[in-house]
Each structure stands twice: as C-alpha cells, then as structure tokens.
C-alpha atoms as a PDB file:
ATOM      1  CA  MET A   1      -1.659  -1.061 -11.465  1.00  0.00           C
ATOM      2  CA  ILE A   2       0.250  -4.192 -12.384  1.00  0.00           C
ATOM      3  CA  PRO A   3       2.611  -4.871  -9.456  1.00  0.00           C
ATOM      4  CA  GLU A   4       6.117  -6.262  -9.862  1.00  0.00           C
ATOM      5  CA  PHE A   5       5.449  -8.520  -6.819  1.00  0.00           C
ATOM      6  CA  ASN A   6       6.866 -12.063  -7.273  1.00  0.00           C
ATOM      7  CA  GLY A   7       7.647 -11.621 -10.980  1.00  0.00           C
ATOM      8  CA  ASN A   8       4.017 -10.753 -11.680  1.00  0.00           C
ATOM      9  CA  ARG A   9       4.818  -8.613 -14.725  1.00  0.00           C
ATOM     10  CA  GLU A  10       6.500 -11.573 -16.414  1.00  0.00           C
ATOM     11  CA  LEU A  11       3.250 -13.589 -16.407  1.00  0.00           C
ATOM     12  CA  ASP A  12       0.709 -13.680 -19.232  1.00  0.00           C
ATOM     13  CA  SER A  13      -1.689 -10.750 -18.946  1.00  0.00           C
ATOM     14  CA  GLY A  14      -4.604 -13.013 -17.969  1.00  0.00           C
ATOM     15  CA  GLU A  15      -2.616 -14.389 -15.034  1.00  0.00           C
ATOM     16  CA  GLN A  16      -1.188 -11.121 -13.721  1.00  0.00           C
ATOM     17  CA  ILE A  17      -2.234  -9.638 -10.400  1.00  0.00           C
ATOM     18  CA  THR A  18      -3.901  -6.297 -11.082  1.00  0.00           C
ATOM     19  CA  VAL A  19      -4.892  -3.628  -8.588  1.00  0.00           C
ATOM     20  CA  GLU A  20      -7.713  -1.156  -9.188  1.00  0.00           C
ATOM     21  CA  PHE A  21      -7.941   1.915  -7.002  1.00  0.00           C
ATOM     22  CA  ALA A  22     -11.051   3.568  -5.610  1.00  0.00           C
ATOM     23  CA  SER A  23      -9.139   6.827  -5.339  1.00  0.00           C
ATOM     24  CA  LEU A  24      -5.659   8.240  -4.992  1.00  0.00           C
ATOM     25  CA  PRO A  25      -4.737   9.878  -1.687  1.00  0.00           C
ATOM     26  CA  THR A  26      -4.700  13.637  -1.440  1.00  0.00           C
ATOM     27  CA  ALA A  27      -1.559  15.324  -0.113  1.00  0.00           C
ATOM     28  CA  ILE A  28      -3.206  15.696   3.291  1.00  0.00           C
ATOM     29  CA  GLU A  29      -4.266  12.037   3.343  1.00  0.00           C
ATOM     30  CA  ALA A  30      -0.792  10.907   2.304  1.00  0.00           C
ATOM     31  CA  ASP A  31       0.690  12.962   5.120  1.00  0.00           C
ATOM     32  CA  ASN A  32      -1.783  11.459   7.598  1.00  0.00           C
ATOM     33  CA  TYR A  33      -0.790   7.928   6.543  1.00  0.00           C
ATOM     34  CA  ARG A  34       2.709   8.545   7.899  1.00  0.00           C
ATOM     35  CA  GLU A  35       3.562   8.567  11.569  1.00  0.00           C
ATOM     36  CA  PHE A  36       6.877  10.185  12.423  1.00  0.00           C
ATOM     37  CA  ILE A  37       8.733   8.920  15.493  1.00  0.00           C
ATOM     38  CA  PHE A  38      11.212  11.480  16.792  1.00  0.00           C
ATOM     39  CA  GLY A  39      14.341  10.748  18.786  1.00  0.00           C
ATOM     40  CA  THR A  40      15.472  12.682  21.832  1.00  0.00           C
ATOM     41  CA  ASP A  41      17.562  14.903  19.535  1.00  0.00           C
ATOM     42  CA  GLY A  42      14.444  15.966  17.619  1.00  0.00           C
ATOM     43  CA  HIS A  43      15.330  14.146  14.395  1.00  0.00           C
ATOM     44  CA  VAL A  44      13.031  11.619  12.768  1.00  0.00           C
ATOM     45  CA  GLU A  45      14.125   8.118  13.769  1.00  0.00           C
ATOM     46  CA  THR A  46      11.356   6.099  12.181  1.00  0.00           C
ATOM     47  CA  ILE A  47       8.444   6.549   9.846  1.00  0.00           C
ATOM     48  CA  ARG A  48       5.538   4.153  10.316  1.00  0.00           C
ATOM     49  CA  PHE A  49       2.853   3.788   7.687  1.00  0.00           C
ATOM     50  CA  LYS A  50      -0.845   3.150   8.251  1.00  0.00           C
ATOM     51  CA  ASP A  51      -1.011   0.359   5.664  1.00  0.00           C
ATOM     52  CA  THR A  52      -4.335  -1.073   6.828  1.00  0.00           C
ATOM     53  CA  GLU A  53      -6.049   2.266   6.376  1.00  0.00           C
ATOM     54  CA  ILE A  54      -4.368   2.845   3.002  1.00  0.00           C
ATOM     55  CA  MET A  55      -5.413  -0.567   1.647  1.00  0.00           C
ATOM     56  CA  ARG A  56      -8.994  -0.340   2.898  1.00  0.00           C
ATOM     57  CA  ARG A  57      -9.576   3.199   1.699  1.00  0.00           C
ATOM     58  CA  HIS A  58      -7.850   3.203  -1.688  1.00  0.00           C
ATOM     59  CA  VAL A  59      -7.669  -0.372  -3.069  1.00  0.00           C
ATOM     60  CA  LYS A  60     -10.991  -1.190  -4.702  1.00  0.00           C
ATOM     61  CA  LYS A  61     -10.277  -4.475  -6.469  1.00  0.00           C
ATOM     62  CA  ILE A  62      -7.463  -7.018  -6.788  1.00  0.00           C
ATOM     63  CA  THR A  63      -7.582  -9.708  -9.451  1.00  0.00           C
ATOM     64  CA  ASN A  64      -5.701 -13.003  -9.681  1.00  0.00           C
ATOM     65  CA  PHE A  65      -4.401 -13.012  -6.114  1.00  0.00           C
ATOM     66  CA  ALA A  66      -4.920 -15.490  -3.289  1.00  0.00           C
ATOM     67  CA  ASP A  67      -3.146 -16.858  -0.251  1.00  0.00           C
ATOM     68  CA  ASP A  68      -3.656 -20.064   1.742  1.00  0.00           C
ATOM     69  CA  ASP A  69      -6.976 -18.739   3.075  1.00  0.00           C
ATOM     70  CA  GLY A  70      -8.439 -18.083  -0.369  1.00  0.00           C
ATOM     71  CA  PRO A  71      -8.894 -15.185  -2.771  1.00  0.00           C
ATOM     72  CA  ILE A  72      -7.746 -11.713  -1.770  1.00  0.00           C
ATOM     73  CA  ASP A  73      -9.793  -9.473  -4.018  1.00  0.00           C
ATOM     74  CA  THR A  74     -10.179  -6.229  -2.054  1.00  0.00           C
ATOM     75  CA  GLY A  75      -7.957  -3.867  -0.122  1.00  0.00           C
ATOM     76  CA  GLY A  76      -9.801  -4.848   3.051  1.00  0.00           C
ATOM     77  CA  LYS A  77      -8.958  -8.519   2.555  1.00  0.00           C
ATOM     78  CA  LEU A  78      -5.342  -7.654   1.757  1.00  0.00           C
ATOM     79  CA  ALA A  79      -5.113  -5.548   4.923  1.00  0.00           C
ATOM     80  CA  ALA A  80      -6.661  -8.333   7.004  1.00  0.00           C
ATOM     81  CA  SER A  81      -4.351 -11.080   5.735  1.00  0.00           C
ATOM     82  CA  LYS A  82      -2.113 -12.561   8.412  1.00  0.00           C
ATOM     83  CA  ASN A  83       0.173 -14.086   5.788  1.00  0.00           C
ATOM     84  CA  PRO A  84       3.578 -12.339   5.927  1.00  0.00           C
ATOM     85  CA  GLN A  85       4.214 -13.281   2.283  1.00  0.00           C
ATOM     86  CA  VAL A  86       1.685 -10.643   1.158  1.00  0.00           C
ATOM     87  CA  LEU A  87       3.589  -7.802   2.844  1.00  0.00           C
ATOM     88  CA  PRO A  88       5.814  -7.031  -0.166  1.00  0.00           C
ATOM     89  CA  LEU A  89       2.646  -6.505  -2.224  1.00  0.00           C
ATOM     90  CA  VAL A  90       1.202  -4.217   0.464  1.00  0.00           C
ATOM     91  CA  TYR A  91       4.441  -2.215   0.504  1.00  0.00           C
ATOM     92  CA  GLU A  92       4.528  -1.935  -3.288  1.00  0.00           C
ATOM     93  CA  ILE A  93       0.929  -0.720  -3.438  1.00  0.00           C
ATOM     94  CA  ARG A  94       1.590   1.772  -0.629  1.00  0.00           C
ATOM     95  CA  GLU A  95       4.676   3.147  -2.335  1.00  0.00           C
ATOM     96  CA  TYR A  96       2.793   3.489  -5.600  1.00  0.00           C
ATOM     97  CA  LEU A  97      -0.137   5.297  -3.995  1.00  0.00           C
ATOM     98  CA  LEU A  98       1.969   7.640  -1.904  1.00  0.00           C
ATOM     99  CA  SER A  99       4.182   8.481  -4.886  1.00  0.00           C
ATOM    100  CA  GLN A 100       1.147   9.717  -6.817  1.00  0.00           C
ATOM    101  CA  THR A 101       0.690  12.813  -4.659  1.00  0.00           C
ATOM    102  CA  GLU A 102       2.724  15.640  -3.206  1.00  0.00           C
ATOM    103  CA  VAL A 103       4.076  14.833   0.212  1.00  0.00           C
ATOM    104  CA  ILE A 104       3.949  17.309   3.050  1.00  0.00           C
ATOM    105  CA  GLU A 105       7.210  17.157   4.965  1.00  0.00           C
ATOM    106  CA  PRO A 106       7.239  17.468   8.778  1.00  0.00           C
ATOM    107  CA  GLY A 107       6.714  21.109   9.693  1.00  0.00           C
ATOM    108  CA  GLU A 108       5.107  22.055   6.356  1.00  0.00           C
ATOM    109  CA  SER A 109       1.448  22.769   5.813  1.00  0.00           C
END
C-alpha cells in the first residue's frame, strides 16, 4: 500500500512511505476490531476502533517513515508511537484494511 498521508504519493517512488501487510483481516476479525457504543435509545452513538491491535497484527513492514523518536518500520512501532502526527496514517491504514473485507453489521452473523 502506498498511503496518501502527507502528500506521500506525490514523492519519488524511492522516497514514498510504503506499507506491507502480514495479512488482511477476515470478516470476523474486522467485526471484532470495532466496538459499538449504544445510546439509551438503542442506536449506535459511537464506533471505536482497536487500532493498536490492527496495526500490530496486520502491518508487517513500513518503509521510509520516521518520527522524532526514529524509524517506524513495523505496525507495532506505529501503534506504540505517542506522536499525534502519525494518527492520520494509522487511520488511513485502518480504513484500507477494513475496506478489504466484508463487514458484519451489528446483529448479523
């Protein structure tokens, strides 16, 4: 995957951030990575994502990416980063991964 993060796709190919995946999530995994928060009326108010688990389990290798603490070359390092500027990359990777599988909606099996 070549993320759009920070104009990455406009860079020369040797400078682009690339993300290699260990695996894509199954439909059941993708469903488990979402936490639905229901309001008192029974409707979904919020969906929280388990980004740390997603990054650690599915992102095998990241090239050409670093923050102030040094290279971030694995999903585990990306998940552990305390730098808020990496969050858009985390979100983009999550959206890509979760879009690659069928999603089970609340109440479906």
